[in-house]
Amino acid sequence: MVLVTSLSLFSLSGLNSITSGIKIPHLDKIVHLTFYFFATLLGSLSIKEFKPNKSLNQIANYLLLFSIVYGMIIEVLQHSFTENRHGDFFDIFANSLGALLGWLVLKHAIFKRFF
């Protein structure tokens, strides 16, 4: 989450010159989705390692909610406190979709474990 926060709130102006030749439509939304997918998936598995008495199902549900709310907060912070970053409703949607996909992968893994 430190990486997600840093990349979301700090200027990456030097990176723009490197990626200026890349023309992938909606690349930023794909990046948002990917960050929150892995944050939810890896965060859940990490917490499970430190709290083995908690069920992965419980942890995944918590991380889904946390990731969605966290993504909303980051977008509000971008809009309110940064000069060259802007909060965007579609970023919130991409963040939430990524978190939901990470949650679904965990749910599928949990389901497969019992059946």
PDB file of N, CA and C in Angstrom:
ATOM      1  N   MET A   1       0.832  -1.194   0.000  1.00  0.00           N
ATOM      2  CA  MET A   1       0.000   0.000   0.000  1.00  0.00           C
ATOM      3  C   MET A   1       0.874   1.254   0.000  1.00  0.00           C
ATOM      4  N   VAL A   2       2.084   1.139   0.540  1.00  0.00           N
ATOM      5  CA  VAL A   2       3.001   2.276   0.497  1.00  0.00           C
ATOM      6  C   VAL A   2       3.337   2.605  -0.959  1.00  0.00           C
ATOM      7  N   LEU A   3       3.567   1.587  -1.763  1.00  0.00           N
ATOM      8  CA  LEU A   3       3.857   1.801  -3.182  1.00  0.00           C
ATOM      9  C   LEU A   3       2.658   2.434  -3.890  1.00  0.00           C
ATOM     10  N   VAL A   4       1.481   1.932  -3.657  1.00  0.00           N
ATOM     11  CA  VAL A   4       0.268   2.483  -4.275  1.00  0.00           C
ATOM     12  C   VAL A   4       0.097   3.945  -3.872  1.00  0.00           C
ATOM     13  N   THR A   5       0.276   4.235  -2.586  1.00  0.00           N
ATOM     14  CA  THR A   5       0.132   5.610  -2.099  1.00  0.00           C
ATOM     15  C   THR A   5       1.178   6.526  -2.729  1.00  0.00           C
ATOM     16  N   SER A   6       2.411   6.085  -2.736  1.00  0.00           N
ATOM     17  CA  SER A   6       3.485   6.902  -3.310  1.00  0.00           C
ATOM     18  C   SER A   6       3.248   7.191  -4.780  1.00  0.00           C
ATOM     19  N   LEU A   7       2.918   6.175  -5.535  1.00  0.00           N
ATOM     20  CA  LEU A   7       2.700   6.371  -6.973  1.00  0.00           C
ATOM     21  C   LEU A   7       1.443   7.186  -7.259  1.00  0.00           C
ATOM     22  N   SER A   8       0.505   7.185  -6.319  1.00  0.00           N
ATOM     23  CA  SER A   8      -0.740   7.927  -6.524  1.00  0.00           C
ATOM     24  C   SER A   8      -0.622   9.400  -6.158  1.00  0.00           C
ATOM     25  N   LEU A   9       0.223   9.728  -5.197  1.00  0.00           N
ATOM     26  CA  LEU A   9       0.237  11.093  -4.681  1.00  0.00           C
ATOM     27  C   LEU A   9       1.453  11.929  -5.083  1.00  0.00           C
ATOM     28  N   PHE A  10       2.540  11.293  -5.484  1.00  0.00           N
ATOM     29  CA  PHE A  10       3.734  12.049  -5.831  1.00  0.00           C
ATOM     30  C   PHE A  10       3.862  12.196  -7.335  1.00  0.00           C
ATOM     31  N   SER A  11       4.457  13.286  -7.760  1.00  0.00           N
ATOM     32  CA  SER A  11       4.627  13.583  -9.174  1.00  0.00           C
ATOM     33  C   SER A  11       5.598  12.596  -9.812  1.00  0.00           C
ATOM     34  N   LEU A  12       5.240  12.129 -10.960  1.00  0.00           N
ATOM     35  CA  LEU A  12       6.089  11.225 -11.728  1.00  0.00           C
ATOM     36  C   LEU A  12       6.470  11.884 -13.045  1.00  0.00           C
ATOM     37  N   SER A  13       6.803  13.165 -13.011  1.00  0.00           N
ATOM     38  CA  SER A  13       7.053  13.931 -14.234  1.00  0.00           C
ATOM     39  C   SER A  13       8.210  13.362 -15.037  1.00  0.00           C
ATOM     40  N   GLY A  14       9.233  12.815 -14.401  1.00  0.00           N
ATOM     41  CA  GLY A  14      10.341  12.206 -15.126  1.00  0.00           C
ATOM     42  C   GLY A  14       9.920  10.964 -15.890  1.00  0.00           C
ATOM     43  N   LEU A  15       8.920  10.293 -15.404  1.00  0.00           N
ATOM     44  CA  LEU A  15       8.418   9.084 -16.051  1.00  0.00           C
ATOM     45  C   LEU A  15       7.662   9.417 -17.333  1.00  0.00           C
ATOM     46  N   ASN A  16       7.062  10.598 -17.399  1.00  0.00           N
ATOM     47  CA  ASN A  16       6.302  10.985 -18.585  1.00  0.00           C
ATOM     48  C   ASN A  16       7.166  11.007 -19.835  1.00  0.00           C
ATOM     49  N   SER A  17       8.427  11.428 -19.726  1.00  0.00           N
ATOM     50  CA  SER A  17       9.295  11.459 -20.896  1.00  0.00           C
ATOM     51  C   SER A  17       9.639  10.049 -21.369  1.00  0.00           C
ATOM     52  N   ILE A  18       9.704   9.098 -20.458  1.00  0.00           N
ATOM     53  CA  ILE A  18      10.000   7.714 -20.812  1.00  0.00           C
ATOM     54  C   ILE A  18       8.797   7.065 -21.489  1.00  0.00           C
ATOM     55  N   THR A  19       7.603   7.327 -20.977  1.00  0.00           N
ATOM     56  CA  THR A  19       6.404   6.656 -21.474  1.00  0.00           C
ATOM     57  C   THR A  19       5.657   7.454 -22.546  1.00  0.00           C
ATOM     58  N   SER A  20       6.188   8.593 -22.962  1.00  0.00           N
ATOM     59  CA  SER A  20       5.455   9.429 -23.911  1.00  0.00           C
ATOM     60  C   SER A  20       5.248   8.749 -25.260  1.00  0.00           C
ATOM     61  N   GLY A  21       6.110   7.821 -25.639  1.00  0.00           N
ATOM     62  CA  GLY A  21       5.955   7.133 -26.918  1.00  0.00           C
ATOM     63  C   GLY A  21       4.987   5.966 -26.871  1.00  0.00           C
ATOM     64  N   ILE A  22       4.561   5.567 -25.678  1.00  0.00           N
ATOM     65  CA  ILE A  22       3.647   4.434 -25.515  1.00  0.00           C
ATOM     66  C   ILE A  22       2.221   4.941 -25.697  1.00  0.00           C
ATOM     67  N   LYS A  23       1.504   4.352 -26.639  1.00  0.00           N
ATOM     68  CA  LYS A  23       0.132   4.784 -26.921  1.00  0.00           C
ATOM     69  C   LYS A  23      -0.835   3.627 -26.689  1.00  0.00           C
ATOM     70  N   ILE A  24      -1.135   3.355 -25.442  1.00  0.00           N
ATOM     71  CA  ILE A  24      -2.107   2.324 -25.088  1.00  0.00           C
ATOM     72  C   ILE A  24      -3.324   3.039 -24.511  1.00  0.00           C
ATOM     73  N   PRO A  25      -4.490   2.878 -25.155  1.00  0.00           N
ATOM     74  CA  PRO A  25      -5.689   3.561 -24.653  1.00  0.00           C
ATOM     75  C   PRO A  25      -5.998   3.158 -23.208  1.00  0.00           C
ATOM     76  N   HIS A  26      -6.262   4.148 -22.386  1.00  0.00           N
ATOM     77  CA  HIS A  26      -6.675   3.949 -20.991  1.00  0.00           C
ATOM     78  C   HIS A  26      -5.628   3.187 -20.169  1.00  0.00           C
ATOM     79  N   LEU A  27      -4.359   3.382 -20.506  1.00  0.00           N
ATOM     80  CA  LEU A  27      -3.281   2.701 -19.779  1.00  0.00           C
ATOM     81  C   LEU A  27      -3.337   3.009 -18.293  1.00  0.00           C
ATOM     82  N   ASP A  28      -3.652   4.258 -17.939  1.00  0.00           N
ATOM     83  CA  ASP A  28      -3.707   4.612 -16.524  1.00  0.00           C
ATOM     84  C   ASP A  28      -4.781   3.825 -15.778  1.00  0.00           C
ATOM     85  N   LYS A  29      -5.889   3.533 -16.428  1.00  0.00           N
ATOM     86  CA  LYS A  29      -6.957   2.750 -15.777  1.00  0.00           C
ATOM     87  C   LYS A  29      -6.513   1.297 -15.585  1.00  0.00           C
ATOM     88  N   ILE A  30      -5.766   0.777 -16.552  1.00  0.00           N
ATOM     89  CA  ILE A  30      -5.231  -0.587 -16.440  1.00  0.00           C
ATOM     90  C   ILE A  30      -4.252  -0.657 -15.272  1.00  0.00           C
ATOM     91  N   VAL A  31      -3.444   0.389 -15.116  1.00  0.00           N
ATOM     92  CA  VAL A  31      -2.492   0.446 -14.008  1.00  0.00           C
ATOM     93  C   VAL A  31      -3.242   0.500 -12.674  1.00  0.00           C
ATOM     94  N   HIS A  32      -4.269   1.332 -12.572  1.00  0.00           N
ATOM     95  CA  HIS A  32      -5.068   1.406 -11.352  1.00  0.00           C
ATOM     96  C   HIS A  32      -5.662   0.035 -11.023  1.00  0.00           C
ATOM     97  N   LEU A  33      -6.279  -0.592 -11.990  1.00  0.00           N
ATOM     98  CA  LEU A  33      -6.886  -1.905 -11.792  1.00  0.00           C
ATOM     99  C   LEU A  33      -5.838  -2.904 -11.308  1.00  0.00           C
ATOM    100  N   THR A  34      -4.669  -2.909 -11.923  1.00  0.00           N
ATOM    101  CA  THR A  34      -3.612  -3.851 -11.566  1.00  0.00           C
ATOM    102  C   THR A  34      -3.105  -3.619 -10.144  1.00  0.00           C
ATOM    103  N   PHE A  35      -2.875  -2.353  -9.781  1.00  0.00           N
ATOM    104  CA  PHE A  35      -2.402  -2.044  -8.428  1.00  0.00           C
ATOM    105  C   PHE A  35      -3.372  -2.555  -7.372  1.00  0.00           C
ATOM    106  N   TYR A  36      -4.651  -2.281  -7.556  1.00  0.00           N
ATOM    107  CA  TYR A  36      -5.629  -2.657  -6.527  1.00  0.00           C
ATOM    108  C   TYR A  36      -5.951  -4.147  -6.559  1.00  0.00           C
ATOM    109  N   PHE A  37      -5.824  -4.785  -7.707  1.00  0.00           N
ATOM    110  CA  PHE A  37      -5.951  -6.240  -7.796  1.00  0.00           C
ATOM    111  C   PHE A  37      -4.900  -6.896  -6.904  1.00  0.00           C
ATOM    112  N   PHE A  38      -3.638  -6.502  -7.111  1.00  0.00           N
ATOM    113  CA  PHE A  38      -2.555  -7.114  -6.342  1.00  0.00           C
ATOM    114  C   PHE A  38      -2.566  -6.671  -4.881  1.00  0.00           C
ATOM    115  N   ALA A  39      -2.979  -5.437  -4.613  1.00  0.00           N
ATOM    116  CA  ALA A  39      -3.057  -4.978  -3.220  1.00  0.00           C
ATOM    117  C   ALA A  39      -4.049  -5.832  -2.436  1.00  0.00           C
ATOM    118  N   THR A  40      -5.201  -6.125  -3.041  1.00  0.00           N
ATOM    119  CA  THR A  40      -6.221  -6.940  -2.371  1.00  0.00           C
ATOM    120  C   THR A  40      -5.770  -8.396  -2.248  1.00  0.00           C
ATOM    121  N   LEU A  41      -5.258  -8.937  -3.323  1.00  0.00           N
ATOM    122  CA  LEU A  41      -4.839 -10.341  -3.343  1.00  0.00           C
ATOM    123  C   LEU A  41      -3.659 -10.575  -2.403  1.00  0.00           C
ATOM    124  N   LEU A  42      -2.583  -9.833  -2.595  1.00  0.00           N
ATOM    125  CA  LEU A  42      -1.386 -10.046  -1.793  1.00  0.00           C
ATOM    126  C   LEU A  42      -1.576  -9.579  -0.348  1.00  0.00           C
ATOM    127  N   GLY A  43      -2.358  -8.515  -0.166  1.00  0.00           N
ATOM    128  CA  GLY A  43      -2.647  -8.058   1.189  1.00  0.00           C
ATOM    129  C   GLY A  43      -3.385  -9.113   1.985  1.00  0.00           C
ATOM    130  N   SER A  44      -4.356  -9.751   1.364  1.00  0.00           N
ATOM    131  CA  SER A  44      -5.116 -10.807   2.051  1.00  0.00           C
ATOM    132  C   SER A  44      -4.222 -11.983   2.414  1.00  0.00           C
ATOM    133  N   LEU A  45      -3.390 -12.402   1.490  1.00  0.00           N
ATOM    134  CA  LEU A  45      -2.500 -13.530   1.761  1.00  0.00           C
ATOM    135  C   LEU A  45      -1.464 -13.179   2.819  1.00  0.00           C
ATOM    136  N   SER A  46      -0.998 -11.947   2.809  1.00  0.00           N
ATOM    137  CA  SER A  46      -0.033 -11.495   3.806  1.00  0.00           C
ATOM    138  C   SER A  46      -0.644 -11.469   5.199  1.00  0.00           C
ATOM    139  N   ILE A  47      -1.835 -10.906   5.314  1.00  0.00           N
ATOM    140  CA  ILE A  47      -2.508 -10.865   6.615  1.00  0.00           C
ATOM    141  C   ILE A  47      -2.780 -12.278   7.113  1.00  0.00           C
ATOM    142  N   LYS A  48      -3.133 -13.186   6.222  1.00  0.00           N
ATOM    143  CA  LYS A  48      -3.384 -14.576   6.610  1.00  0.00           C
ATOM    144  C   LYS A  48      -2.138 -15.203   7.234  1.00  0.00           C
ATOM    145  N   GLU A  49      -0.956 -14.847   6.726  1.00  0.00           N
ATOM    146  CA  GLU A  49       0.293 -15.370   7.293  1.00  0.00           C
ATOM    147  C   GLU A  49       0.497 -14.889   8.728  1.00  0.00           C
ATOM    148  N   PHE A  50       0.124 -13.644   9.004  1.00  0.00           N
ATOM    149  CA  PHE A  50       0.331 -13.070  10.330  1.00  0.00           C
ATOM    150  C   PHE A  50      -0.825 -13.362  11.294  1.00  0.00           C
ATOM    151  N   LYS A  51      -1.969 -13.720  10.763  1.00  0.00           N
ATOM    152  CA  LYS A  51      -3.134 -14.038  11.594  1.00  0.00           C
ATOM    153  C   LYS A  51      -3.725 -15.374  11.133  1.00  0.00           C
ATOM    154  N   PRO A  52      -3.020 -16.462  11.394  1.00  0.00           N
ATOM    155  CA  PRO A  52      -3.484 -17.768  10.905  1.00  0.00           C
ATOM    156  C   PRO A  52      -4.811 -18.225  11.495  1.00  0.00           C
ATOM    157  N   ASN A  53      -5.218 -17.648  12.632  1.00  0.00           N
ATOM    158  CA  ASN A  53      -6.490 -18.055  13.232  1.00  0.00           C
ATOM    159  C   ASN A  53      -7.692 -17.419  12.530  1.00  0.00           C
ATOM    160  N   LYS A  54      -7.469 -16.406  11.700  1.00  0.00           N
ATOM    161  CA  LYS A  54      -8.551 -15.774  10.924  1.00  0.00           C
ATOM    162  C   LYS A  54      -8.744 -16.544   9.623  1.00  0.00           C
ATOM    163  N   SER A  55      -9.990 -16.627   9.175  1.00  0.00           N
ATOM    164  CA  SER A  55     -10.243 -17.320   7.909  1.00  0.00           C
ATOM    165  C   SER A  55      -9.868 -16.404   6.739  1.00  0.00           C
ATOM    166  N   LEU A  56      -9.394 -17.015   5.682  1.00  0.00           N
ATOM    167  CA  LEU A  56      -9.038 -16.251   4.485  1.00  0.00           C
ATOM    168  C   LEU A  56     -10.269 -15.558   3.920  1.00  0.00           C
ATOM    169  N   ASN A  57     -11.417 -16.157   4.070  1.00  0.00           N
ATOM    170  CA  ASN A  57     -12.671 -15.565   3.621  1.00  0.00           C
ATOM    171  C   ASN A  57     -12.932 -14.242   4.340  1.00  0.00           C
ATOM    172  N   GLN A  58     -12.780 -14.240   5.665  1.00  0.00           N
ATOM    173  CA  GLN A  58     -12.960 -13.024   6.467  1.00  0.00           C
ATOM    174  C   GLN A  58     -11.969 -11.944   6.049  1.00  0.00           C
ATOM    175  N   ILE A  59     -10.716 -12.339   5.914  1.00  0.00           N
ATOM    176  CA  ILE A  59      -9.663 -11.397   5.558  1.00  0.00           C
ATOM    177  C   ILE A  59      -9.917 -10.812   4.170  1.00  0.00           C
ATOM    178  N   ALA A  60     -10.296 -11.653   3.216  1.00  0.00           N
ATOM    179  CA  ALA A  60     -10.557 -11.184   1.849  1.00  0.00           C
ATOM    180  C   ALA A  60     -11.703 -10.180   1.831  1.00  0.00           C
ATOM    181  N   ASN A  61     -12.746 -10.450   2.597  1.00  0.00           N
ATOM    182  CA  ASN A  61     -13.874  -9.514   2.665  1.00  0.00           C
ATOM    183  C   ASN A  61     -13.435  -8.169   3.232  1.00  0.00           C
ATOM    184  N   TYR A  62     -12.640  -8.223   4.293  1.00  0.00           N
ATOM    185  CA  TYR A  62     -12.123  -6.994   4.905  1.00  0.00           C
ATOM    186  C   TYR A  62     -11.253  -6.223   3.910  1.00  0.00           C
ATOM    187  N   LEU A  63     -10.340  -6.925   3.229  1.00  0.00           N
ATOM    188  CA  LEU A  63      -9.440  -6.258   2.290  1.00  0.00           C
ATOM    189  C   LEU A  63     -10.175  -5.685   1.091  1.00  0.00           C
ATOM    190  N   LEU A  64     -11.247  -6.327   0.661  1.00  0.00           N
ATOM    191  CA  LEU A  64     -12.046  -5.774  -0.434  1.00  0.00           C
ATOM    192  C   LEU A  64     -12.614  -4.422  -0.013  1.00  0.00           C
ATOM    193  N   LEU A  65     -13.240  -4.379   1.127  1.00  0.00           N
ATOM    194  CA  LEU A  65     -13.809  -3.126   1.617  1.00  0.00           C
ATOM    195  C   LEU A  65     -12.720  -2.075   1.836  1.00  0.00           C
ATOM    196  N   PHE A  66     -11.628  -2.473   2.476  1.00  0.00           N
ATOM    197  CA  PHE A  66     -10.527  -1.558   2.738  1.00  0.00           C
ATOM    198  C   PHE A  66      -9.974  -0.978   1.438  1.00  0.00           C
ATOM    199  N   SER A  67      -9.744  -1.826   0.444  1.00  0.00           N
ATOM    200  CA  SER A  67      -9.154  -1.369  -0.821  1.00  0.00           C
ATOM    201  C   SER A  67     -10.063  -0.391  -1.550  1.00  0.00           C
ATOM    202  N   ILE A  68     -11.349  -0.649  -1.541  1.00  0.00           N
ATOM    203  CA  ILE A  68     -12.291   0.249  -2.217  1.00  0.00           C
ATOM    204  C   ILE A  68     -12.314   1.615  -1.520  1.00  0.00           C
ATOM    205  N   VAL A  69     -12.428   1.594  -0.205  1.00  0.00           N
ATOM    206  CA  VAL A  69     -12.455   2.861   0.547  1.00  0.00           C
ATOM    207  C   VAL A  69     -11.119   3.581   0.412  1.00  0.00           C
ATOM    208  N   TYR A  70     -10.031   2.854   0.482  1.00  0.00           N
ATOM    209  CA  TYR A  70      -8.695   3.433   0.353  1.00  0.00           C
ATOM    210  C   TYR A  70      -8.531   4.096  -1.021  1.00  0.00           C
ATOM    211  N   GLY A  71      -8.995   3.427  -2.071  1.00  0.00           N
ATOM    212  CA  GLY A  71      -8.926   3.995  -3.415  1.00  0.00           C
ATOM    213  C   GLY A  71      -9.713   5.290  -3.533  1.00  0.00           C
ATOM    214  N   MET A  72     -10.860   5.344  -2.877  1.00  0.00           N
ATOM    215  CA  MET A  72     -11.658   6.578  -2.882  1.00  0.00           C
ATOM    216  C   MET A  72     -10.925   7.705  -2.156  1.00  0.00           C
ATOM    217  N   ILE A  73     -10.347   7.373  -1.013  1.00  0.00           N
ATOM    218  CA  ILE A  73      -9.618   8.376  -0.237  1.00  0.00           C
ATOM    219  C   ILE A  73      -8.428   8.911  -1.032  1.00  0.00           C
ATOM    220  N   ILE A  74      -7.703   8.036  -1.686  1.00  0.00           N
ATOM    221  CA  ILE A  74      -6.545   8.461  -2.489  1.00  0.00           C
ATOM    222  C   ILE A  74      -6.980   9.420  -3.596  1.00  0.00           C
ATOM    223  N   GLU A  75      -8.099   9.131  -4.247  1.00  0.00           N
ATOM    224  CA  GLU A  75      -8.569  10.014  -5.318  1.00  0.00           C
ATOM    225  C   GLU A  75      -8.981  11.385  -4.770  1.00  0.00           C
ATOM    226  N   VAL A  76      -9.601  11.403  -3.598  1.00  0.00           N
ATOM    227  CA  VAL A  76      -9.956  12.684  -2.971  1.00  0.00           C
ATOM    228  C   VAL A  76      -8.681  13.454  -2.614  1.00  0.00           C
ATOM    229  N   LEU A  77      -7.679  12.759  -2.076  1.00  0.00           N
ATOM    230  CA  LEU A  77      -6.410  13.410  -1.743  1.00  0.00           C
ATOM    231  C   LEU A  77      -5.720  13.953  -2.997  1.00  0.00           C
ATOM    232  N   GLN A  78      -5.760  13.190  -4.082  1.00  0.00           N
ATOM    233  CA  GLN A  78      -5.181  13.677  -5.334  1.00  0.00           C
ATOM    234  C   GLN A  78      -5.866  14.961  -5.781  1.00  0.00           C
ATOM    235  N   HIS A  79      -7.165  14.978  -5.692  1.00  0.00           N
ATOM    236  CA  HIS A  79      -7.937  16.140  -6.123  1.00  0.00           C
ATOM    237  C   HIS A  79      -7.677  17.346  -5.219  1.00  0.00           C
ATOM    238  N   SER A  80      -7.546  17.112  -3.933  1.00  0.00           N
ATOM    239  CA  SER A  80      -7.471  18.199  -2.961  1.00  0.00           C
ATOM    240  C   SER A  80      -6.061  18.712  -2.676  1.00  0.00           C
ATOM    241  N   PHE A  81      -5.066  17.829  -2.707  1.00  0.00           N
ATOM    242  CA  PHE A  81      -3.754  18.207  -2.190  1.00  0.00           C
ATOM    243  C   PHE A  81      -2.592  18.110  -3.176  1.00  0.00           C
ATOM    244  N   THR A  82      -2.827  17.733  -4.406  1.00  0.00           N
ATOM    245  CA  THR A  82      -1.725  17.666  -5.363  1.00  0.00           C
ATOM    246  C   THR A  82      -1.966  18.652  -6.499  1.00  0.00           C
ATOM    247  N   GLU A  83      -0.865  19.151  -7.061  1.00  0.00           N
ATOM    248  CA  GLU A  83      -0.988  20.120  -8.141  1.00  0.00           C
ATOM    249  C   GLU A  83      -1.040  19.473  -9.519  1.00  0.00           C
ATOM    250  N   ASN A  84      -0.290  18.416  -9.709  1.00  0.00           N
ATOM    251  CA  ASN A  84      -0.243  17.812 -11.040  1.00  0.00           C
ATOM    252  C   ASN A  84      -0.835  16.403 -11.089  1.00  0.00           C
ATOM    253  N   ARG A  85      -1.610  16.044 -10.085  1.00  0.00           N
ATOM    254  CA  ARG A  85      -2.383  14.799 -10.096  1.00  0.00           C
ATOM    255  C   ARG A  85      -3.837  15.192  -9.897  1.00  0.00           C
ATOM    256  N   HIS A  86      -4.749  14.460 -10.496  1.00  0.00           N
ATOM    257  CA  HIS A  86      -6.168  14.821 -10.417  1.00  0.00           C
ATOM    258  C   HIS A  86      -6.999  13.602 -10.039  1.00  0.00           C
ATOM    259  N   GLY A  87      -7.911  13.794  -9.104  1.00  0.00           N
ATOM    260  CA  GLY A  87      -8.848  12.739  -8.752  1.00  0.00           C
ATOM    261  C   GLY A  87      -9.817  12.512  -9.893  1.00  0.00           C
ATOM    262  N   ASP A  88     -10.222  11.270 -10.085  1.00  0.00           N
ATOM    263  CA  ASP A  88     -11.059  10.925 -11.225  1.00  0.00           C
ATOM    264  C   ASP A  88     -12.029   9.815 -10.814  1.00  0.00           C
ATOM    265  N   PHE A  89     -13.302   9.993 -11.151  1.00  0.00           N
ATOM    266  CA  PHE A  89     -14.309   8.977 -10.844  1.00  0.00           C
ATOM    267  C   PHE A  89     -13.966   7.653 -11.515  1.00  0.00           C
ATOM    268  N   PHE A  90     -13.454   7.706 -12.737  1.00  0.00           N
ATOM    269  CA  PHE A  90     -13.126   6.468 -13.450  1.00  0.00           C
ATOM    270  C   PHE A  90     -11.917   5.757 -12.837  1.00  0.00           C
ATOM    271  N   ASP A  91     -11.041   6.519 -12.174  1.00  0.00           N
ATOM    272  CA  ASP A  91      -9.961   5.886 -11.414  1.00  0.00           C
ATOM    273  C   ASP A  91     -10.533   5.136 -10.220  1.00  0.00           C
ATOM    274  N   ILE A  92     -11.525   5.731  -9.560  1.00  0.00           N
ATOM    275  CA  ILE A  92     -12.189   5.045  -8.441  1.00  0.00           C
ATOM    276  C   ILE A  92     -12.819   3.756  -8.942  1.00  0.00           C
ATOM    277  N   PHE A  93     -13.453   3.822 -10.105  1.00  0.00           N
ATOM    278  CA  PHE A  93     -14.069   2.625 -10.688  1.00  0.00           C
ATOM    279  C   PHE A  93     -13.007   1.569 -10.990  1.00  0.00           C
ATOM    280  N   ALA A  94     -11.881   1.973 -11.593  1.00  0.00           N
ATOM    281  CA  ALA A  94     -10.805   1.030 -11.922  1.00  0.00           C
ATOM    282  C   ALA A  94     -10.200   0.436 -10.649  1.00  0.00           C
ATOM    283  N   ASN A  95      -9.993   1.281  -9.627  1.00  0.00           N
ATOM    284  CA  ASN A  95      -9.473   0.791  -8.345  1.00  0.00           C
ATOM    285  C   ASN A  95     -10.414  -0.258  -7.755  1.00  0.00           C
ATOM    286  N   SER A  96     -11.696   0.058  -7.728  1.00  0.00           N
ATOM    287  CA  SER A  96     -12.698  -0.841  -7.153  1.00  0.00           C
ATOM    288  C   SER A  96     -12.812  -2.134  -7.945  1.00  0.00           C
ATOM    289  N   LEU A  97     -12.765  -2.029  -9.258  1.00  0.00           N
ATOM    290  CA  LEU A  97     -12.833  -3.226 -10.103  1.00  0.00           C
ATOM    291  C   LEU A  97     -11.620  -4.112  -9.876  1.00  0.00           C
ATOM    292  N   GLY A  98     -10.438  -3.511  -9.751  1.00  0.00           N
ATOM    293  CA  GLY A  98      -9.234  -4.287  -9.460  1.00  0.00           C
ATOM    294  C   GLY A  98      -9.340  -4.999  -8.126  1.00  0.00           C
ATOM    295  N   ALA A  99      -9.823  -4.290  -7.103  1.00  0.00           N
ATOM    296  CA  ALA A  99     -10.003  -4.902  -5.786  1.00  0.00           C
ATOM    297  C   ALA A  99     -11.012  -6.046  -5.857  1.00  0.00           C
ATOM    298  N   LEU A 100     -12.106  -5.831  -6.584  1.00  0.00           N
ATOM    299  CA  LEU A 100     -13.127  -6.865  -6.729  1.00  0.00           C
ATOM    300  C   LEU A 100     -12.578  -8.097  -7.451  1.00  0.00           C
ATOM    301  N   LEU A 101     -11.780  -7.894  -8.481  1.00  0.00           N
ATOM    302  CA  LEU A 101     -11.180  -9.028  -9.196  1.00  0.00           C
ATOM    303  C   LEU A 101     -10.208  -9.793  -8.302  1.00  0.00           C
ATOM    304  N   GLY A 102      -9.421  -9.081  -7.496  1.00  0.00           N
ATOM    305  CA  GLY A 102      -8.537  -9.749  -6.540  1.00  0.00           C
ATOM    306  C   GLY A 102      -9.333 -10.561  -5.532  1.00  0.00           C
ATOM    307  N   TRP A 103     -10.434  -9.992  -5.067  1.00  0.00           N
ATOM    308  CA  TRP A 103     -11.321 -10.676  -4.135  1.00  0.00           C
ATOM    309  C   TRP A 103     -11.913 -11.933  -4.780  1.00  0.00           C
ATOM    310  N   LEU A 104     -12.325 -11.816  -6.045  1.00  0.00           N
ATOM    311  CA  LEU A 104     -12.906 -12.968  -6.740  1.00  0.00           C
ATOM    312  C   LEU A 104     -11.888 -14.093  -6.917  1.00  0.00           C
ATOM    313  N   VAL A 105     -10.651 -13.748  -7.192  1.00  0.00           N
ATOM    314  CA  VAL A 105      -9.603 -14.772  -7.302  1.00  0.00           C
ATOM    315  C   VAL A 105      -9.439 -15.489  -5.967  1.00  0.00           C
ATOM    316  N   LEU A 106      -9.440 -14.734  -4.884  1.00  0.00           N
ATOM    317  CA  LEU A 106      -9.342 -15.356  -3.555  1.00  0.00           C
ATOM    318  C   LEU A 106     -10.555 -16.227  -3.262  1.00  0.00           C
ATOM    319  N   LYS A 107     -11.741 -15.736  -3.578  1.00  0.00           N
ATOM    320  CA  LYS A 107     -12.961 -16.521  -3.337  1.00  0.00           C
ATOM    321  C   LYS A 107     -12.934 -17.814  -4.142  1.00  0.00           C
ATOM    322  N   HIS A 108     -12.474 -17.739  -5.367  1.00  0.00           N
ATOM    323  CA  HIS A 108     -12.378 -18.928  -6.206  1.00  0.00           C
ATOM    324  C   HIS A 108     -11.389 -19.928  -5.597  1.00  0.00           C
ATOM    325  N   ALA A 109     -10.263 -19.412  -5.103  1.00  0.00           N
ATOM    326  CA  ALA A 109      -9.263 -20.284  -4.473  1.00  0.00           C
ATOM    327  C   ALA A 109      -9.823 -20.930  -3.214  1.00  0.00           C
ATOM    328  N   ILE A 110     -10.565 -20.158  -2.426  1.00  0.00           N
ATOM    329  CA  ILE A 110     -11.170 -20.692  -1.207  1.00  0.00           C
ATOM    330  C   ILE A 110     -12.199 -21.764  -1.565  1.00  0.00           C
ATOM    331  N   PHE A 111     -13.029 -21.501  -2.580  1.00  0.00           N
ATOM    332  CA  PHE A 111     -14.041 -22.449  -3.011  1.00  0.00           C
ATOM    333  C   PHE A 111     -13.385 -23.739  -3.503  1.00  0.00           C
ATOM    334  N   LYS A 112     -12.320 -23.611  -4.297  1.00  0.00           N
ATOM    335  CA  LYS A 112     -11.640 -24.781  -4.844  1.00  0.00           C
ATOM    336  C   LYS A 112     -11.001 -25.641  -3.740  1.00  0.00           C
ATOM    337  N   ARG A 113     -10.597 -24.983  -2.652  1.00  0.00           N
ATOM    338  CA  ARG A 113      -9.952 -25.709  -1.559  1.00  0.00           C
ATOM    339  C   ARG A 113     -10.921 -26.676  -0.901  1.00  0.00           C
ATOM    340  N   PHE A 114     -12.197 -26.294  -0.833  1.00  0.00           N
ATOM    341  CA  PHE A 114     -13.182 -27.124  -0.142  1.00  0.00           C
ATOM    342  C   PHE A 114     -13.923 -28.074  -1.063  1.00  0.00           C
ATOM    343  N   PHE A 115     -13.805 -27.907  -2.372  1.00  0.00           N
ATOM    344  CA  PHE A 115     -14.524 -28.775  -3.302  1.00  0.00           C
ATOM    345  C   PHE A 115     -13.632 -29.357  -4.346  1.00  0.00           C
TER     346      PHE A 115
END
